[in-house]
Amino acid sequence: MDAIDALVFTTVLSVTGTLAVTFAIGWFRASRRVRDLERQVSGAAPDTTVAQLEGNLAALAEHVEQLANGQDFLSRLVTERLQPLRVQQSVSKVATPR
């Protein structure tokens, strides 16, 4: 085996090893997270879980509405500030007869 083959083999082995370790860590963390979530769900009554989800959904809807109001305000503000600029540009482009 020459030097190029050894370099390719070492590179492939190191990349494969790194990917294997990365996927093993990800698998371990994901399985641990699933077990924690299952314990949380099994410990709570379904009614409380549904009530908590509804509360979270209502809070999320409120935040989305605030974002929409802010977007409307910004679009009105930009439109109002651009209108005087458009009037000034149109006035300056008008050629007067001589």
N, C-alpha and C. Protein backbone atom coordinates (compact mmCIF):
# COMPACT_ATOMS: atom_id res chain seq x y z
N MET A 1 0.85 -1.17 0.00
CA MET A 1 0.00 0.00 0.00
C MET A 1 0.91 1.24 0.00
N ASP A 2 0.64 2.10 -0.94
CA ASP A 2 1.47 3.30 -1.03
C ASP A 2 0.90 4.41 -0.16
N ALA A 3 1.55 5.55 -0.17
CA ALA A 3 1.19 6.65 0.72
C ALA A 3 -0.19 7.23 0.41
N ILE A 4 -0.57 7.31 -0.87
CA ILE A 4 -1.88 7.85 -1.26
C ILE A 4 -2.99 6.95 -0.74
N ASP A 5 -2.83 5.64 -0.91
CA ASP A 5 -3.85 4.70 -0.42
C ASP A 5 -4.00 4.79 1.09
N ALA A 6 -2.89 4.93 1.79
CA ALA A 6 -2.94 5.04 3.25
C ALA A 6 -3.64 6.33 3.66
N LEU A 7 -3.38 7.41 2.94
CA LEU A 7 -4.03 8.69 3.24
C LEU A 7 -5.54 8.62 3.00
N VAL A 8 -5.94 8.03 1.89
CA VAL A 8 -7.37 7.88 1.58
C VAL A 8 -8.03 7.00 2.63
N PHE A 9 -7.40 5.88 2.98
CA PHE A 9 -7.96 4.97 3.97
C PHE A 9 -8.10 5.67 5.32
N THR A 10 -7.09 6.42 5.73
CA THR A 10 -7.15 7.13 7.01
C THR A 10 -8.23 8.19 7.00
N THR A 11 -8.36 8.91 5.90
CA THR A 11 -9.38 9.94 5.79
C THR A 11 -10.78 9.34 5.86
N VAL A 12 -11.00 8.28 5.09
CA VAL A 12 -12.32 7.62 5.10
C VAL A 12 -12.62 7.06 6.47
N LEU A 13 -11.64 6.46 7.11
CA LEU A 13 -11.85 5.89 8.44
C LEU A 13 -12.16 6.98 9.46
N SER A 14 -11.47 8.10 9.39
CA SER A 14 -11.73 9.17 10.36
C SER A 14 -13.09 9.82 10.13
N VAL A 15 -13.49 10.01 8.87
CA VAL A 15 -14.81 10.58 8.58
C VAL A 15 -15.90 9.62 9.03
N THR A 16 -15.74 8.34 8.73
CA THR A 16 -16.74 7.35 9.14
C THR A 16 -16.83 7.26 10.66
N GLY A 17 -15.69 7.30 11.33
CA GLY A 17 -15.69 7.25 12.79
C GLY A 17 -16.37 8.46 13.40
N THR A 18 -16.08 9.63 12.84
CA THR A 18 -16.70 10.86 13.34
C THR A 18 -18.21 10.82 13.16
N LEU A 19 -18.66 10.38 11.99
CA LEU A 19 -20.11 10.28 11.75
C LEU A 19 -20.76 9.26 12.68
N ALA A 20 -20.10 8.14 12.92
CA ALA A 20 -20.65 7.12 13.81
C ALA A 20 -20.80 7.66 15.23
N VAL A 21 -19.78 8.36 15.72
CA VAL A 21 -19.85 8.93 17.07
C VAL A 21 -20.94 10.00 17.14
N THR A 22 -21.05 10.83 16.11
CA THR A 22 -22.07 11.89 16.08
C THR A 22 -23.46 11.28 16.11
N PHE A 23 -23.71 10.27 15.28
CA PHE A 23 -25.03 9.64 15.26
C PHE A 23 -25.31 8.90 16.56
N ALA A 24 -24.30 8.31 17.18
CA ALA A 24 -24.51 7.62 18.45
C ALA A 24 -24.91 8.61 19.55
N ILE A 25 -24.22 9.74 19.59
CA ILE A 25 -24.57 10.76 20.59
C ILE A 25 -25.98 11.29 20.33
N GLY A 26 -26.31 11.56 19.07
CA GLY A 26 -27.65 12.03 18.73
C GLY A 26 -28.72 11.02 19.10
N TRP A 27 -28.45 9.76 18.82
CA TRP A 27 -29.42 8.70 19.15
C TRP A 27 -29.62 8.61 20.66
N PHE A 28 -28.53 8.68 21.40
CA PHE A 28 -28.62 8.61 22.86
C PHE A 28 -29.42 9.78 23.42
N ARG A 29 -29.11 10.98 22.96
CA ARG A 29 -29.81 12.16 23.47
C ARG A 29 -31.29 12.15 23.07
N ALA A 30 -31.59 11.71 21.85
CA ALA A 30 -32.98 11.67 21.40
C ALA A 30 -33.77 10.64 22.20
N SER A 31 -33.20 9.48 22.43
CA SER A 31 -33.92 8.46 23.19
C SER A 31 -34.14 8.91 24.63
N ARG A 32 -33.15 9.58 25.21
CA ARG A 32 -33.31 10.09 26.57
C ARG A 32 -34.39 11.17 26.62
N ARG A 33 -34.42 12.03 25.60
CA ARG A 33 -35.44 13.08 25.56
C ARG A 33 -36.84 12.48 25.41
N VAL A 34 -36.97 11.44 24.57
CA VAL A 34 -38.26 10.78 24.40
C VAL A 34 -38.72 10.16 25.71
N ARG A 35 -37.79 9.51 26.43
CA ARG A 35 -38.17 8.93 27.73
C ARG A 35 -38.64 10.01 28.71
N ASP A 36 -37.94 11.14 28.74
CA ASP A 36 -38.35 12.24 29.62
C ASP A 36 -39.73 12.77 29.25
N LEU A 37 -39.97 12.93 27.97
CA LEU A 37 -41.28 13.43 27.53
C LEU A 37 -42.38 12.43 27.82
N GLU A 38 -42.10 11.15 27.65
CA GLU A 38 -43.11 10.13 27.97
C GLU A 38 -43.43 10.13 29.45
N ARG A 39 -42.42 10.32 30.30
CA ARG A 39 -42.68 10.40 31.74
C ARG A 39 -43.52 11.61 32.08
N GLN A 40 -43.27 12.75 31.42
CA GLN A 40 -44.05 13.95 31.69
C GLN A 40 -45.49 13.77 31.26
N VAL A 41 -45.70 13.16 30.09
CA VAL A 41 -47.06 12.99 29.59
C VAL A 41 -47.80 11.94 30.41
N SER A 42 -47.14 10.85 30.76
CA SER A 42 -47.82 9.81 31.52
C SER A 42 -48.12 10.26 32.94
N GLY A 43 -47.33 11.19 33.48
CA GLY A 43 -47.56 11.68 34.83
C GLY A 43 -48.71 12.67 34.92
N ALA A 44 -49.03 13.35 33.82
CA ALA A 44 -50.10 14.34 33.84
C ALA A 44 -51.38 13.72 33.32
N ALA A 45 -52.48 14.22 33.85
CA ALA A 45 -53.78 13.76 33.38
C ALA A 45 -54.04 14.33 31.99
N PRO A 46 -54.77 13.60 31.14
CA PRO A 46 -55.03 14.09 29.79
C PRO A 46 -55.76 15.44 29.78
N ASP A 47 -56.65 15.64 30.74
CA ASP A 47 -57.39 16.91 30.78
C ASP A 47 -56.46 18.09 31.04
N THR A 48 -55.51 17.91 31.93
CA THR A 48 -54.60 19.00 32.22
C THR A 48 -53.66 19.26 31.04
N THR A 49 -53.30 18.19 30.34
CA THR A 49 -52.44 18.35 29.17
C THR A 49 -53.16 19.10 28.07
N VAL A 50 -54.42 18.76 27.85
CA VAL A 50 -55.21 19.46 26.84
C VAL A 50 -55.43 20.92 27.24
N ALA A 51 -55.70 21.16 28.51
CA ALA A 51 -55.89 22.53 28.98
C ALA A 51 -54.60 23.33 28.82
N GLN A 52 -53.46 22.71 29.11
CA GLN A 52 -52.19 23.39 28.94
C GLN A 52 -51.93 23.70 27.47
N LEU A 53 -52.24 22.77 26.58
CA LEU A 53 -52.08 23.01 25.14
C LEU A 53 -52.98 24.14 24.66
N GLU A 54 -54.22 24.16 25.14
CA GLU A 54 -55.13 25.24 24.76
C GLU A 54 -54.63 26.59 25.24
N GLY A 55 -54.10 26.64 26.45
CA GLY A 55 -53.55 27.88 26.98
C GLY A 55 -52.35 28.35 26.16
N ASN A 56 -51.48 27.41 25.81
CA ASN A 56 -50.32 27.75 24.99
C ASN A 56 -50.75 28.25 23.61
N LEU A 57 -51.77 27.62 23.05
CA LEU A 57 -52.26 28.02 21.74
C LEU A 57 -52.87 29.42 21.79
N ALA A 58 -53.59 29.72 22.85
CA ALA A 58 -54.18 31.05 23.00
C ALA A 58 -53.09 32.12 23.15
N ALA A 59 -52.06 31.81 23.92
CA ALA A 59 -50.95 32.76 24.07
C ALA A 59 -50.23 32.96 22.75
N LEU A 60 -50.05 31.89 21.99
CA LEU A 60 -49.41 31.99 20.69
C LEU A 60 -50.24 32.83 19.73
N ALA A 61 -51.56 32.65 19.75
CA ALA A 61 -52.43 33.43 18.88
C ALA A 61 -52.36 34.92 19.25
N GLU A 62 -52.26 35.19 20.53
CA GLU A 62 -52.15 36.59 20.97
C GLU A 62 -50.84 37.22 20.47
N HIS A 63 -49.76 36.48 20.55
CA HIS A 63 -48.48 37.00 20.07
C HIS A 63 -48.49 37.21 18.56
N VAL A 64 -49.12 36.30 17.84
CA VAL A 64 -49.22 36.46 16.39
C VAL A 64 -50.04 37.69 16.04
N GLU A 65 -51.10 37.93 16.79
CA GLU A 65 -51.92 39.12 16.55
C GLU A 65 -51.12 40.40 16.83
N GLN A 66 -50.31 40.39 17.88
CA GLN A 66 -49.46 41.55 18.17
C GLN A 66 -48.45 41.79 17.05
N LEU A 67 -47.89 40.70 16.52
CA LEU A 67 -46.96 40.83 15.40
C LEU A 67 -47.64 41.39 14.16
N ALA A 68 -48.87 40.94 13.90
CA ALA A 68 -49.61 41.44 12.74
C ALA A 68 -49.93 42.93 12.90
N ASN A 69 -50.31 43.33 14.11
CA ASN A 69 -50.58 44.75 14.35
C ASN A 69 -49.31 45.58 14.17
N GLY A 70 -48.20 45.09 14.64
CA GLY A 70 -46.94 45.80 14.46
C GLY A 70 -46.57 45.90 12.99
N GLN A 71 -46.81 44.85 12.22
CA GLN A 71 -46.53 44.87 10.79
C GLN A 71 -47.42 45.88 10.07
N ASP A 72 -48.70 45.92 10.44
CA ASP A 72 -49.61 46.90 9.84
C ASP A 72 -49.15 48.32 10.15
N PHE A 73 -48.75 48.56 11.40
CA PHE A 73 -48.28 49.88 11.78
C PHE A 73 -47.05 50.28 10.97
N LEU A 74 -46.10 49.36 10.84
CA LEU A 74 -44.88 49.67 10.09
C LEU A 74 -45.17 49.92 8.62
N SER A 75 -46.08 49.16 8.03
CA SER A 75 -46.39 49.38 6.62
C SER A 75 -47.08 50.74 6.43
N ARG A 76 -47.98 51.13 7.34
CA ARG A 76 -48.61 52.45 7.25
C ARG A 76 -47.57 53.55 7.41
N LEU A 77 -46.67 53.37 8.34
CA LEU A 77 -45.63 54.37 8.59
C LEU A 77 -44.73 54.54 7.37
N VAL A 78 -44.32 53.45 6.77
CA VAL A 78 -43.46 53.53 5.59
C VAL A 78 -44.21 54.17 4.44
N THR A 79 -45.48 53.82 4.26
CA THR A 79 -46.27 54.39 3.18
C THR A 79 -46.44 55.89 3.36
N GLU A 80 -46.71 56.33 4.59
CA GLU A 80 -46.88 57.76 4.85
C GLU A 80 -45.58 58.53 4.62
N ARG A 81 -44.45 57.93 4.93
CA ARG A 81 -43.18 58.63 4.75
C ARG A 81 -42.75 58.64 3.29
N LEU A 82 -43.19 57.66 2.52
CA LEU A 82 -42.82 57.63 1.10
C LEU A 82 -43.68 58.56 0.26
N GLN A 83 -44.91 58.84 0.67
CA GLN A 83 -45.78 59.70 -0.12
C GLN A 83 -45.22 61.10 -0.33
N PRO A 84 -44.70 61.80 0.68
CA PRO A 84 -44.11 63.13 0.42
C PRO A 84 -42.90 63.03 -0.52
N LEU A 85 -42.13 61.99 -0.44
CA LEU A 85 -41.00 61.83 -1.33
C LEU A 85 -41.45 61.67 -2.77
N ARG A 86 -42.52 60.92 -2.99
CA ARG A 86 -43.04 60.73 -4.34
C ARG A 86 -43.57 62.04 -4.92
N VAL A 87 -44.21 62.84 -4.06
CA VAL A 87 -44.74 64.13 -4.52
C VAL A 87 -43.58 65.04 -4.90
N GLN A 88 -42.54 65.06 -4.11
CA GLN A 88 -41.38 65.91 -4.41
C GLN A 88 -40.70 65.46 -5.69
N GLN A 89 -40.57 64.17 -5.91
CA GLN A 89 -39.92 63.68 -7.11
C GLN A 89 -40.75 63.99 -8.33
N SER A 90 -42.06 63.84 -8.24
CA SER A 90 -42.90 64.12 -9.40
C SER A 90 -42.91 65.61 -9.73
N VAL A 91 -42.84 66.45 -8.71
CA VAL A 91 -42.83 67.90 -8.95
C VAL A 91 -41.50 68.29 -9.60
N SER A 92 -40.40 67.73 -9.19
CA SER A 92 -39.11 68.12 -9.73
C SER A 92 -38.93 67.61 -11.17
N LYS A 93 -39.63 66.61 -11.57
CA LYS A 93 -39.50 66.06 -12.92
C LYS A 93 -40.33 66.82 -13.94
N VAL A 94 -41.25 67.65 -13.52
CA VAL A 94 -42.11 68.37 -14.44
C VAL A 94 -41.29 69.47 -15.11
N ALA A 95 -41.32 69.47 -16.43
CA ALA A 95 -40.56 70.48 -17.17
C ALA A 95 -41.47 71.67 -17.45
N THR A 96 -40.99 72.84 -17.20
CA THR A 96 -41.77 74.03 -17.45
C THR A 96 -41.54 74.50 -18.90
N PRO A 97 -42.59 74.95 -19.57
CA PRO A 97 -42.41 75.41 -20.96
C PRO A 97 -41.66 76.73 -20.98
N ARG A 98 -40.91 76.97 -22.04
CA ARG A 98 -40.12 78.20 -22.15
C ARG A 98 -40.62 79.07 -23.23
